[in-house]
């Protein structure tokens, strides 16, 4: 059975968020927000994440 992990972006910078993913050898993420937009953390908006 495959494992499923969760991660919240909280107040992380995009660089730190990616460092966390790499540190745990996670190469795929799924954004399950109903609205992939953040007024307070624009680096986690859909268009930015798509290009990261």
N, C-alpha and C. Protein backbone atom coordinates (compact mmCIF):
# COMPACT_ATOMS: atom_id res chain seq x y z
N UNK A 1 0.83 -1.17 0.00
CA UNK A 1 0.00 0.00 0.00
C UNK A 1 0.89 1.25 0.00
N UNK A 2 0.53 2.23 -0.81
CA UNK A 2 1.27 3.49 -0.88
C UNK A 2 0.94 4.35 0.33
N UNK A 3 1.91 5.18 0.71
CA UNK A 3 1.70 6.10 1.82
C UNK A 3 1.28 7.46 1.28
N UNK A 4 0.48 8.15 2.05
CA UNK A 4 0.04 9.49 1.70
C UNK A 4 0.47 10.44 2.81
N UNK A 5 1.12 11.51 2.44
CA UNK A 5 1.60 12.50 3.41
C UNK A 5 0.85 13.80 3.19
N UNK A 6 0.74 14.59 4.24
CA UNK A 6 0.15 15.92 4.12
C UNK A 6 1.19 16.95 4.53
N UNK A 7 1.07 18.12 3.96
CA UNK A 7 1.96 19.23 4.33
C UNK A 7 1.17 20.52 4.15
N UNK A 8 1.23 21.35 5.15
CA UNK A 8 0.61 22.67 5.03
C UNK A 8 1.69 23.68 4.69
N UNK A 9 1.33 24.68 3.91
CA UNK A 9 2.35 25.66 3.55
C UNK A 9 2.56 26.68 4.65
N UNK A 10 1.57 26.91 5.50
CA UNK A 10 1.69 27.80 6.65
C UNK A 10 2.38 29.10 6.26
N UNK A 11 3.44 29.42 6.93
CA UNK A 11 4.18 30.66 6.65
C UNK A 11 5.52 30.38 5.99
N UNK A 12 5.67 29.21 5.38
CA UNK A 12 6.93 28.86 4.73
C UNK A 12 7.12 29.66 3.45
N UNK A 13 8.35 29.96 3.15
CA UNK A 13 8.66 30.50 1.82
C UNK A 13 8.55 29.34 0.83
N UNK A 14 8.45 29.67 -0.45
CA UNK A 14 8.39 28.61 -1.46
C UNK A 14 9.66 27.78 -1.43
N UNK A 15 10.82 28.42 -1.25
CA UNK A 15 12.09 27.68 -1.19
C UNK A 15 12.11 26.69 -0.03
N UNK A 16 11.65 27.11 1.14
CA UNK A 16 11.64 26.22 2.30
C UNK A 16 10.65 25.07 2.10
N UNK A 17 9.50 25.37 1.51
CA UNK A 17 8.50 24.35 1.21
C UNK A 17 9.10 23.28 0.30
N UNK A 18 9.81 23.71 -0.74
CA UNK A 18 10.44 22.76 -1.66
C UNK A 18 11.55 21.98 -0.95
N UNK A 19 12.31 22.65 -0.09
CA UNK A 19 13.34 21.95 0.70
C UNK A 19 12.72 20.85 1.55
N UNK A 20 11.58 21.11 2.16
CA UNK A 20 10.89 20.09 2.96
C UNK A 20 10.49 18.90 2.11
N UNK A 21 9.93 19.18 0.93
CA UNK A 21 9.53 18.10 0.03
C UNK A 21 10.74 17.25 -0.37
N UNK A 22 11.83 17.91 -0.73
CA UNK A 22 13.03 17.19 -1.16
C UNK A 22 13.66 16.42 -0.01
N UNK A 23 13.65 16.99 1.18
CA UNK A 23 14.25 16.32 2.34
C UNK A 23 13.54 15.00 2.65
N UNK A 24 12.27 14.93 2.31
CA UNK A 24 11.50 13.71 2.56
C UNK A 24 11.28 12.90 1.29
N UNK A 25 12.04 13.28 0.24
CA UNK A 25 12.01 12.57 -1.04
C UNK A 25 10.62 12.51 -1.66
N UNK A 26 9.89 13.60 -1.53
CA UNK A 26 8.56 13.69 -2.13
C UNK A 26 8.69 14.47 -3.43
N UNK A 27 8.25 13.87 -4.52
CA UNK A 27 8.41 14.51 -5.82
C UNK A 27 7.08 14.91 -6.45
N UNK A 28 5.98 14.54 -5.84
CA UNK A 28 4.67 14.84 -6.39
C UNK A 28 3.79 15.42 -5.29
N UNK A 29 3.11 16.52 -5.62
CA UNK A 29 2.16 17.08 -4.66
C UNK A 29 0.82 17.28 -5.35
N UNK A 30 -0.24 17.28 -4.58
CA UNK A 30 -1.58 17.55 -5.08
C UNK A 30 -2.16 18.69 -4.25
N UNK A 31 -2.54 19.74 -4.92
CA UNK A 31 -3.15 20.89 -4.26
C UNK A 31 -4.66 20.64 -4.25
N UNK A 32 -5.21 20.41 -3.08
CA UNK A 32 -6.62 20.05 -2.97
C UNK A 32 -7.49 21.21 -2.49
N UNK A 33 -6.94 22.41 -2.50
CA UNK A 33 -7.73 23.58 -2.10
C UNK A 33 -8.83 23.82 -3.13
N UNK A 34 -10.01 24.24 -2.66
CA UNK A 34 -11.10 24.52 -3.59
C UNK A 34 -10.81 25.77 -4.41
N UNK A 35 -10.01 26.65 -3.88
CA UNK A 35 -9.58 27.85 -4.60
C UNK A 35 -8.06 27.97 -4.43
N UNK A 36 -7.29 27.58 -5.45
CA UNK A 36 -5.83 27.57 -5.34
C UNK A 36 -5.23 28.97 -5.40
N UNK A 37 -5.59 29.78 -4.43
CA UNK A 37 -5.17 31.17 -4.38
C UNK A 37 -4.94 31.56 -2.94
N UNK A 38 -3.91 32.32 -2.67
CA UNK A 38 -3.64 32.81 -1.33
C UNK A 38 -3.29 34.29 -1.39
N UNK A 39 -4.09 35.11 -0.75
CA UNK A 39 -3.83 36.55 -0.71
C UNK A 39 -2.59 36.84 0.13
N UNK A 40 -2.36 36.03 1.16
CA UNK A 40 -1.27 36.26 2.09
C UNK A 40 0.03 35.58 1.68
N UNK A 41 -0.07 34.54 0.90
CA UNK A 41 1.12 33.82 0.42
C UNK A 41 1.00 33.61 -1.08
N UNK A 42 1.17 34.67 -1.88
CA UNK A 42 0.96 34.55 -3.32
C UNK A 42 1.90 33.55 -4.00
N UNK A 43 3.01 33.20 -3.33
CA UNK A 43 3.92 32.21 -3.91
C UNK A 43 3.31 30.80 -3.87
N UNK A 44 2.13 30.65 -3.25
CA UNK A 44 1.42 29.38 -3.27
C UNK A 44 0.17 29.42 -4.14
N UNK A 45 0.09 30.40 -5.03
CA UNK A 45 -1.01 30.45 -5.98
C UNK A 45 -0.76 29.41 -7.08
N UNK A 46 -1.84 28.96 -7.70
CA UNK A 46 -1.76 27.89 -8.69
C UNK A 46 -0.73 28.15 -9.78
N UNK A 47 -0.74 29.34 -10.35
CA UNK A 47 0.18 29.61 -11.46
C UNK A 47 1.65 29.54 -11.03
N UNK A 48 1.93 29.97 -9.81
CA UNK A 48 3.31 29.91 -9.31
C UNK A 48 3.72 28.47 -9.03
N UNK A 49 2.82 27.70 -8.39
CA UNK A 49 3.14 26.30 -8.09
C UNK A 49 3.29 25.49 -9.37
N UNK A 50 2.48 25.79 -10.38
CA UNK A 50 2.58 25.07 -11.65
C UNK A 50 3.97 25.22 -12.27
N UNK A 51 4.58 26.37 -12.08
CA UNK A 51 5.88 26.61 -12.71
C UNK A 51 7.06 26.25 -11.80
N UNK A 52 6.79 25.89 -10.55
CA UNK A 52 7.89 25.58 -9.61
C UNK A 52 8.48 24.21 -9.88
